[in-house]
C-alpha atoms as a PDB file:
ATOM      1  CA  MET A   1     -23.232   8.531   5.463  1.00  0.00           C
ATOM      2  CA  ARG A   2     -20.742   6.374   3.575  1.00  0.00           C
ATOM      3  CA  ARG A   3     -19.900   4.482   6.748  1.00  0.00           C
ATOM      4  CA  PHE A   4     -23.593   4.012   7.558  1.00  0.00           C
ATOM      5  CA  LEU A   5     -24.290   2.601   4.095  1.00  0.00           C
ATOM      6  CA  ARG A   6     -21.291   0.269   4.307  1.00  0.00           C
ATOM      7  CA  GLU A   7     -22.249  -1.056   7.744  1.00  0.00           C
ATOM      8  CA  ASN A   8     -25.921  -1.513   6.823  1.00  0.00           C
ATOM      9  CA  GLY A   9     -25.538  -2.496   3.182  1.00  0.00           C
ATOM     10  CA  LEU A  10     -27.195  -5.907   3.513  1.00  0.00           C
ATOM     11  CA  SER A  11     -30.437  -4.654   5.065  1.00  0.00           C
ATOM     12  CA  ILE A  12     -30.570  -1.540   2.872  1.00  0.00           C
ATOM     13  CA  GLY A  13     -29.826  -3.519  -0.289  1.00  0.00           C
ATOM     14  CA  PHE A  14     -32.507  -6.102   0.312  1.00  0.00           C
ATOM     15  CA  GLY A  15     -34.920  -3.403   1.468  1.00  0.00           C
ATOM     16  CA  LEU A  16     -34.536  -1.641  -1.879  1.00  0.00           C
ATOM     17  CA  ILE A  17     -34.888  -4.892  -3.814  1.00  0.00           C
ATOM     18  CA  PHE A  18     -38.034  -5.672  -1.814  1.00  0.00           C
ATOM     19  CA  LEU A  19     -39.584  -2.285  -2.568  1.00  0.00           C
ATOM     20  CA  ALA A  20     -38.730  -2.584  -6.269  1.00  0.00           C
ATOM     21  CA  ALA A  21     -40.279  -6.046  -6.440  1.00  0.00           C
ATOM     22  CA  LEU A  22     -43.396  -4.920  -4.550  1.00  0.00           C
ATOM     23  CA  VAL A  23     -43.876  -1.947  -6.880  1.00  0.00           C
ATOM     24  CA  GLY A  24     -43.344  -4.230  -9.868  1.00  0.00           C
ATOM     25  CA  GLN A  25     -45.898  -6.704  -8.535  1.00  0.00           C
ATOM     26  CA  ALA A  26     -48.416  -3.891  -8.052  1.00  0.00           C
ATOM     27  CA  LEU A  27     -47.938  -2.607 -11.601  1.00  0.00           C
ATOM     28  CA  VAL A  28     -48.128  -5.922 -13.429  1.00  0.00           C
ATOM     29  CA  GLY A  29     -50.829  -7.189 -11.076  1.00  0.00           C
ATOM     30  CA  HIS A  30     -52.930  -4.129 -11.857  1.00  0.00           C
ATOM     31  CA  VAL A  31     -52.601  -4.756 -15.604  1.00  0.00           C
ATOM     32  CA  ASP A  32     -53.409  -8.451 -15.174  1.00  0.00           C
ATOM     33  CA  PHE A  33     -56.439  -7.658 -12.999  1.00  0.00           C
ATOM     34  CA  ASN A  34     -57.843  -5.187 -15.519  1.00  0.00           C
ATOM     35  CA  ASN A  35     -57.235  -7.589 -18.406  1.00  0.00           C
ATOM     36  CA  ASP A  36     -59.225 -10.214 -16.517  1.00  0.00           C
ATOM     37  CA  GLN A  37     -61.986  -7.682 -15.856  1.00  0.00           C
ATOM     38  CA  LEU A  38     -62.224  -6.818 -19.560  1.00  0.00           C
ATOM     39  CA  ALA A  39     -62.263 -10.501 -20.494  1.00  0.00           C
ATOM     40  CA  HIS A  40     -65.298 -10.976 -18.252  1.00  0.00           C
ATOM     41  CA  ASN A  41     -67.021  -7.732 -19.281  1.00  0.00           C
ATOM     42  CA  GLY A  42     -66.200  -6.083 -15.959  1.00  0.00           C
ATOM     43  CA  ASP A  43     -65.071  -2.571 -15.091  1.00  0.00           C
ATOM     44  CA  THR A  44     -61.390  -1.674 -14.886  1.00  0.00           C
ATOM     45  CA  ILE A  45     -60.031  -0.003 -11.753  1.00  0.00           C
ATOM     46  CA  THR A  46     -57.293   2.487 -10.943  1.00  0.00           C
ATOM     47  CA  LEU A  47     -53.882   1.466  -9.638  1.00  0.00           C
ATOM     48  CA  TRP A  48     -54.646   2.944  -6.208  1.00  0.00           C
ATOM     49  CA  ARG A  49     -57.868   0.983  -5.942  1.00  0.00           C
ATOM     50  CA  TYR A  50     -56.056  -2.167  -6.978  1.00  0.00           C
ATOM     51  CA  ILE A  51     -53.261  -1.889  -4.384  1.00  0.00           C
ATOM     52  CA  THR A  52     -55.862  -1.294  -1.659  1.00  0.00           C
ATOM     53  CA  SER A  53     -57.981  -4.227  -2.834  1.00  0.00           C
ATOM     54  CA  SER A  54     -58.319  -7.618  -1.152  1.00  0.00           C
ATOM     55  CA  SER A  55     -57.020  -9.255  -4.342  1.00  0.00           C
ATOM     56  CA  PHE A  56     -53.631  -7.518  -4.104  1.00  0.00           C
ATOM     57  CA  GLY A  57     -53.550  -7.910  -0.328  1.00  0.00           C
ATOM     58  CA  ALA A  58     -54.167 -11.656  -0.519  1.00  0.00           C
ATOM     59  CA  ASP A  59     -51.412 -12.120  -3.108  1.00  0.00           C
ATOM     60  CA  VAL A  60     -48.916 -10.202  -0.959  1.00  0.00           C
ATOM     61  CA  MET A  61     -49.863 -11.718   2.387  1.00  0.00           C
ATOM     62  CA  GLU A  62     -49.790 -15.328   1.205  1.00  0.00           C
ATOM     63  CA  ASN A  63     -46.142 -14.851   0.251  1.00  0.00           C
ATOM     64  CA  TRP A  64     -45.166 -12.897   3.353  1.00  0.00           C
ATOM     65  CA  GLN A  65     -46.653 -15.427   5.751  1.00  0.00           C
ATOM     66  CA  SER A  66     -44.827 -18.341   4.124  1.00  0.00           C
ATOM     67  CA  GLU A  67     -41.507 -16.503   4.310  1.00  0.00           C
ATOM     68  CA  TYR A  68     -41.920 -15.727   7.995  1.00  0.00           C
ATOM     69  CA  LEU A  69     -43.053 -19.297   8.680  1.00  0.00           C
ATOM     70  CA  GLN A  70     -39.901 -20.525   6.940  1.00  0.00           C
ATOM     71  CA  PHE A  71     -37.612 -18.465   9.154  1.00  0.00           C
ATOM     72  CA  THR A  72     -39.642 -19.146  12.302  1.00  0.00           C
ATOM     73  CA  LEU A  73     -39.323 -22.897  11.819  1.00  0.00           C
ATOM     74  CA  PHE A  74     -35.680 -22.580  10.747  1.00  0.00           C
ATOM     75  CA  ILE A  75     -34.816 -20.608  13.898  1.00  0.00           C
ATOM     76  CA  LEU A  76     -36.678 -23.138  16.060  1.00  0.00           C
ATOM     77  CA  GLY A  77     -35.464 -26.229  14.222  1.00  0.00           C
ATOM     78  CA  THR A  78     -31.783 -25.306  14.259  1.00  0.00           C
ATOM     79  CA  ILE A  79     -31.811 -25.252  18.061  1.00  0.00           C
ATOM     80  CA  TRP A  80     -31.998 -29.063  18.129  1.00  0.00           C
ATOM     81  CA  LEU A  81     -31.741 -30.342  14.539  1.00  0.00           C
ATOM     82  CA  LEU A  82     -28.287 -30.756  13.027  1.00  0.00           C
ATOM     83  CA  GLN A  83     -26.891 -31.383   9.557  1.00  0.00           C
ATOM     84  CA  ARG A  84     -23.416 -32.826   9.345  1.00  0.00           C
ATOM     85  CA  GLY A  85     -21.236 -30.707   7.085  1.00  0.00           C
ATOM     86  CA  SER A  86     -23.646 -27.770   6.706  1.00  0.00           C
ATOM     87  CA  PRO A  87     -22.833 -24.160   7.690  1.00  0.00           C
ATOM     88  CA  GLU A  88     -26.575 -23.801   8.341  1.00  0.00           C
ATOM     89  CA  SER A  89     -26.202 -26.186  11.296  1.00  0.00           C
ATOM     90  CA  LYS A  90     -24.547 -25.774  14.664  1.00  0.00           C
ATOM     91  CA  GLU A  91     -21.618 -27.982  15.521  1.00  0.00           C
ATOM     92  CA  LEU A  92     -22.701 -31.547  16.205  1.00  0.00           C
ATOM     93  CA  ASN A  93     -21.956 -31.327  19.947  1.00  0.00           C
ATOM     94  CA  LYS A  94     -24.022 -28.184  20.491  1.00  0.00           C
ATOM     95  CA  ALA A  95     -27.601 -29.365  19.974  1.00  0.00           C
ATOM     96  CA  GLY A  96     -30.093 -27.726  22.328  1.00  0.00           C
ATOM     97  CA  ARG A  97     -30.328 -24.345  24.010  1.00  0.00           C
ATOM     98  CA  GLU A  98     -26.671 -24.448  25.168  1.00  0.00           C
ATOM     99  CA  SER A  99     -25.303 -23.372  28.530  1.00  0.00           C
ATOM    100  CA  GLU A 100     -25.433 -19.878  29.987  1.00  0.00           C
ATOM    101  CA  GLN A 101     -21.682 -19.696  29.569  1.00  0.00           C
ATOM    102  CA  ASP A 102     -21.920 -20.574  25.856  1.00  0.00           C
ATOM    103  CA  GLN A 103     -24.681 -17.997  25.405  1.00  0.00           C
ATOM    104  CA  ARG A 104     -22.887 -15.365  27.511  1.00  0.00           C
ATOM    105  CA  ILE A 105     -25.903 -14.526  29.654  1.00  0.00           C
ATOM    106  CA  GLY A 106     -26.380 -13.746  33.345  1.00  0.00           C
ATOM    107  CA  PRO A 107     -23.079 -13.925  35.217  1.00  0.00           C
ATOM    108  CA  HIS A 108     -21.280 -14.866  31.982  1.00  0.00           C
ATOM    109  CA  ALA A 109     -22.267 -11.653  30.158  1.00  0.00           C
ATOM    110  CA  ASP A 110     -19.527  -9.156  29.440  1.00  0.00           C
ATOM    111  CA  GLN A 111     -19.536  -5.349  29.463  1.00  0.00           C
ATOM    112  CA  ARG A 112     -20.692  -5.087  25.838  1.00  0.00           C
ATOM    113  CA  SER A 113     -23.554  -7.582  26.244  1.00  0.00           C
ATOM    114  CA  PRO A 114     -27.104  -6.184  25.940  1.00  0.00           C
ATOM    115  CA  ALA A 115     -28.591  -5.150  29.284  1.00  0.00           C
ATOM    116  CA  TRP A 116     -31.377  -7.729  29.141  1.00  0.00           C
ATOM    117  CA  ALA A 117     -28.822 -10.534  28.677  1.00  0.00           C
ATOM    118  CA  LYS A 118     -27.535  -9.635  32.152  1.00  0.00           C
ATOM    119  CA  ALA A 119     -30.993  -9.448  33.787  1.00  0.00           C
ATOM    120  CA  GLU A 120     -32.131 -12.141  36.215  1.00  0.00           C
ATOM    121  CA  ASP A 121     -35.898 -11.849  35.699  1.00  0.00           C
ATOM    122  CA  PHE A 122     -38.405 -12.335  32.834  1.00  0.00           C
ATOM    123  CA  ARG A 123     -36.494  -9.839  30.704  1.00  0.00           C
ATOM    124  CA  ARG A 124     -33.738 -12.370  30.116  1.00  0.00           C
ATOM    125  CA  PHE A 125     -36.292 -14.986  29.034  1.00  0.00           C
ATOM    126  CA  LEU A 126     -37.939 -12.562  26.618  1.00  0.00           C
ATOM    127  CA  PHE A 127     -34.635 -11.416  25.178  1.00  0.00           C
ATOM    128  CA  SER A 128     -33.373 -15.012  24.942  1.00  0.00           C
ATOM    129  CA  ASN A 129     -36.368 -15.899  22.763  1.00  0.00           C
ATOM    130  CA  SER A 130     -37.090 -12.503  21.187  1.00  0.00           C
ATOM    131  CA  LEU A 131     -36.154 -13.433  17.616  1.00  0.00           C
ATOM    132  CA  LEU A 132     -38.421 -16.492  17.574  1.00  0.00           C
ATOM    133  CA  LEU A 133     -41.256 -14.607  19.316  1.00  0.00           C
ATOM    134  CA  VAL A 134     -41.192 -11.672  16.909  1.00  0.00           C
ATOM    135  CA  MET A 135     -40.832 -13.787  13.760  1.00  0.00           C
ATOM    136  CA  GLY A 136     -43.605 -16.109  14.934  1.00  0.00           C
ATOM    137  CA  THR A 137     -45.875 -13.170  15.731  1.00  0.00           C
ATOM    138  CA  ILE A 138     -45.308 -11.653  12.293  1.00  0.00           C
ATOM    139  CA  TRP A 139     -46.069 -15.036  10.687  1.00  0.00           C
ATOM    140  CA  ILE A 140     -49.359 -15.408  12.584  1.00  0.00           C
ATOM    141  CA  ALA A 141     -50.330 -11.797  11.796  1.00  0.00           C
ATOM    142  CA  THR A 142     -49.607 -12.135   8.071  1.00  0.00           C
ATOM    143  CA  TRP A 143     -51.336 -15.531   7.881  1.00  0.00           C
ATOM    144  CA  ALA A 144     -54.396 -13.972   9.529  1.00  0.00           C
ATOM    145  CA  ALA A 145     -54.215 -11.096   7.035  1.00  0.00           C
ATOM    146  CA  GLN A 146     -54.060 -13.631   4.198  1.00  0.00           C
ATOM    147  CA  ALA A 147     -57.151 -15.353   5.581  1.00  0.00           C
ATOM    148  CA  ILE A 148     -59.105 -12.082   5.821  1.00  0.00           C
ATOM    149  CA  THR A 149     -58.140 -10.710   2.410  1.00  0.00           C
ATOM    150  CA  GLY A 150     -58.526 -14.116   0.797  1.00  0.00           C
ATOM    151  CA  HIS A 151     -61.985 -14.420   2.332  1.00  0.00           C
ATOM    152  CA  VAL A 152     -63.077 -11.108   0.815  1.00  0.00           C
ATOM    153  CA  THR A 153     -61.687 -12.084  -2.599  1.00  0.00           C
ATOM    154  CA  TYR A 154     -63.327 -15.511  -2.421  1.00  0.00           C
ATOM    155  CA  ASN A 155     -66.726 -14.034  -1.603  1.00  0.00           C
ATOM    156  CA  SER A 156     -66.372 -11.511  -4.414  1.00  0.00           C
ATOM    157  CA  GLU A 157     -65.816 -14.355  -6.843  1.00  0.00           C
ATOM    158  CA  GLN A 158     -68.733 -16.252  -5.328  1.00  0.00           C
ATOM    159  CA  LEU A 159     -71.036 -13.289  -5.967  1.00  0.00           C
ATOM    160  CA  ASP A 160     -69.703 -12.907  -9.515  1.00  0.00           C
ATOM    161  CA  HIS A 161     -70.787 -16.492 -10.147  1.00  0.00           C
ATOM    162  CA  HIS A 162     -74.158 -15.953  -8.423  1.00  0.00           C
ATOM    163  CA  GLU A 163     -73.208 -18.241  -5.565  1.00  0.00           C
ATOM    164  CA  PRO A 164     -73.695 -17.546  -1.832  1.00  0.00           C
ATOM    165  CA  ALA A 165     -70.973 -15.870   0.229  1.00  0.00           C
ATOM    166  CA  VAL A 166     -69.381 -17.864   3.055  1.00  0.00           C
ATOM    167  CA  SER A 167     -68.253 -16.979   6.568  1.00  0.00           C
ATOM    168  CA  LEU A 168     -64.589 -16.513   7.448  1.00  0.00           C
ATOM    169  CA  LEU A 169     -64.640 -19.743   9.456  1.00  0.00           C
ATOM    170  CA  HIS A 170     -66.086 -21.617   6.490  1.00  0.00           C
ATOM    171  CA  TYR A 171     -63.483 -20.082   4.187  1.00  0.00           C
ATOM    172  CA  LEU A 172     -60.650 -21.370   6.405  1.00  0.00           C
ATOM    173  CA  GLY A 173     -61.774 -24.883   5.521  1.00  0.00           C
ATOM    174  CA  THR A 174     -61.971 -24.341   1.762  1.00  0.00           C
ATOM    175  CA  ALA A 175     -59.591 -25.699  -0.844  1.00  0.00           C
ATOM    176  CA  ASP A 176     -58.942 -22.109  -2.008  1.00  0.00           C
ATOM    177  CA  PHE A 177     -57.452 -21.079   1.343  1.00  0.00           C
ATOM    178  CA  TRP A 178     -55.296 -24.163   1.714  1.00  0.00           C
ATOM    179  CA  ASN A 179     -54.198 -24.101  -1.917  1.00  0.00           C
ATOM    180  CA  ARG A 180     -52.984 -20.513  -1.426  1.00  0.00           C
ATOM    181  CA  THR A 181     -51.249 -21.557   1.793  1.00  0.00           C
ATOM    182  CA  LEU A 182     -49.645 -24.868   0.874  1.00  0.00           C
ATOM    183  CA  GLN A 183     -48.353 -23.805  -2.537  1.00  0.00           C
ATOM    184  CA  ASN A 184     -46.164 -21.303  -0.694  1.00  0.00           C
ATOM    185  CA  TRP A 185     -45.228 -23.486   2.250  1.00  0.00           C
ATOM    186  CA  GLN A 186     -43.902 -26.345   0.134  1.00  0.00           C
ATOM    187  CA  SER A 187     -41.627 -24.034  -1.855  1.00  0.00           C
ATOM    188  CA  GLU A 188     -40.185 -22.476   1.320  1.00  0.00           C
ATOM    189  CA  PHE A 189     -39.465 -25.842   2.923  1.00  0.00           C
ATOM    190  CA  LEU A 190     -37.864 -27.082  -0.302  1.00  0.00           C
ATOM    191  CA  ALA A 191     -35.610 -24.008  -0.429  1.00  0.00           C
ATOM    192  CA  VAL A 192     -34.466 -24.361   3.191  1.00  0.00           C
ATOM    193  CA  GLY A 193     -33.863 -28.097   2.899  1.00  0.00           C
ATOM    194  CA  SER A 194     -31.959 -27.631  -0.367  1.00  0.00           C
ATOM    195  CA  MET A 195     -29.768 -24.926   1.177  1.00  0.00           C
ATOM    196  CA  ALA A 196     -28.964 -27.113   4.178  1.00  0.00           C
ATOM    197  CA  ILE A 197     -27.841 -30.107   2.128  1.00  0.00           C
ATOM    198  CA  LEU A 198     -26.288 -28.373  -0.919  1.00  0.00           C
ATOM    199  CA  SER A 199     -24.077 -26.228   1.311  1.00  0.00           C
ATOM    200  CA  VAL A 200     -22.463 -29.447   2.566  1.00  0.00           C
ATOM    201  CA  TYR A 201     -20.844 -30.053  -0.815  1.00  0.00           C
ATOM    202  CA  LEU A 202     -20.978 -26.725  -2.678  1.00  0.00           C
ATOM    203  CA  ARG A 203     -19.158 -23.457  -1.916  1.00  0.00           C
ATOM    204  CA  GLN A 204     -19.452 -19.743  -2.529  1.00  0.00           C
ATOM    205  CA  ARG A 205     -16.252 -17.893  -1.764  1.00  0.00           C
ATOM    206  CA  GLY A 206     -16.788 -14.987   0.624  1.00  0.00           C
ATOM    207  CA  SER A 207     -20.363 -15.847   1.664  1.00  0.00           C
ATOM    208  CA  PRO A 208     -21.211 -16.597   5.315  1.00  0.00           C
ATOM    209  CA  GLU A 209     -23.860 -18.975   3.964  1.00  0.00           C
ATOM    210  CA  SER A 210     -21.018 -21.185   2.681  1.00  0.00           C
ATOM    211  CA  LYS A 211     -18.114 -22.923   4.340  1.00  0.00           C
ATOM    212  CA  PRO A 212     -14.598 -21.788   3.405  1.00  0.00           C
ATOM    213  CA  VAL A 213     -13.773 -23.118  -0.054  1.00  0.00           C
ATOM    214  CA  GLY A 214     -11.054 -25.407   1.305  1.00  0.00           C
ATOM    215  CA  ALA A 215     -13.076 -26.769   4.249  1.00  0.00           C
ATOM    216  CA  PRO A 216     -13.787 -30.516   4.177  1.00  0.00           C
ATOM    217  CA  HIS A 217     -17.306 -31.654   3.338  1.00  0.00           C
ATOM    218  CA  ASP A 218     -17.949 -32.936   6.860  1.00  0.00           C
ATOM    219  CA  ALA A 219     -16.964 -29.650   8.570  1.00  0.00           C
ATOM    220  CA  THR A 220     -20.079 -28.464  10.426  1.00  0.00           C
ATOM    221  CA  GLY A 221     -20.983 -24.992  11.640  1.00  0.00           C
ATOM    222  CA  LEU A 222     -18.200 -23.172   9.769  1.00  0.00           C
ATOM    223  CA  GLU A 223     -18.842 -19.955   7.858  1.00  0.00           C
ATOM    224  CA  GLY A 224     -16.784 -18.780   4.891  1.00  0.00           C
END
């Protein structure tokens, strides 16, 4: 067990932090929702009803989709886009999908390579792009979930104000949907761009997201 925890500490640690944050969001969101209900002479609801509501679902999904979009675009962008001096970038002479020898696939795979890296058919293509495909699929799924839950919440507010409900297609063109979307997207792109450029000049000893402390500023593709 100790060895398992040590070898999987990063995923387990962030998994626990995620669950704690999600529970915290549910608790404070429930209180905030009920306070808003009381302020507008509405009925309060239970915690279970709140976490199964479209209001909570929309708040969660709009954050999830932006995170997965961030990593999807980062994975795709770092194939061809480079940043001199950043550990987030490949070396300047390695832009593109790289050779089969560099990627150790097909005849260049070794005994410990995954089986699909050695395959000669569509399996190699799928495995070669599996990270981007899965992350992109999760992004599309969570963005769709945001649209659906946001649509329900929007129509609920419309009815509260004695205004007509709208279709899902109509909702996708509203300022509410794009405000929820873009306020998350811009923060994700700012964070990624900041990380790429700040890591050129700043260091964190022991982190693979940083270059070695003594590495020159123009060293590219090094991890500390």
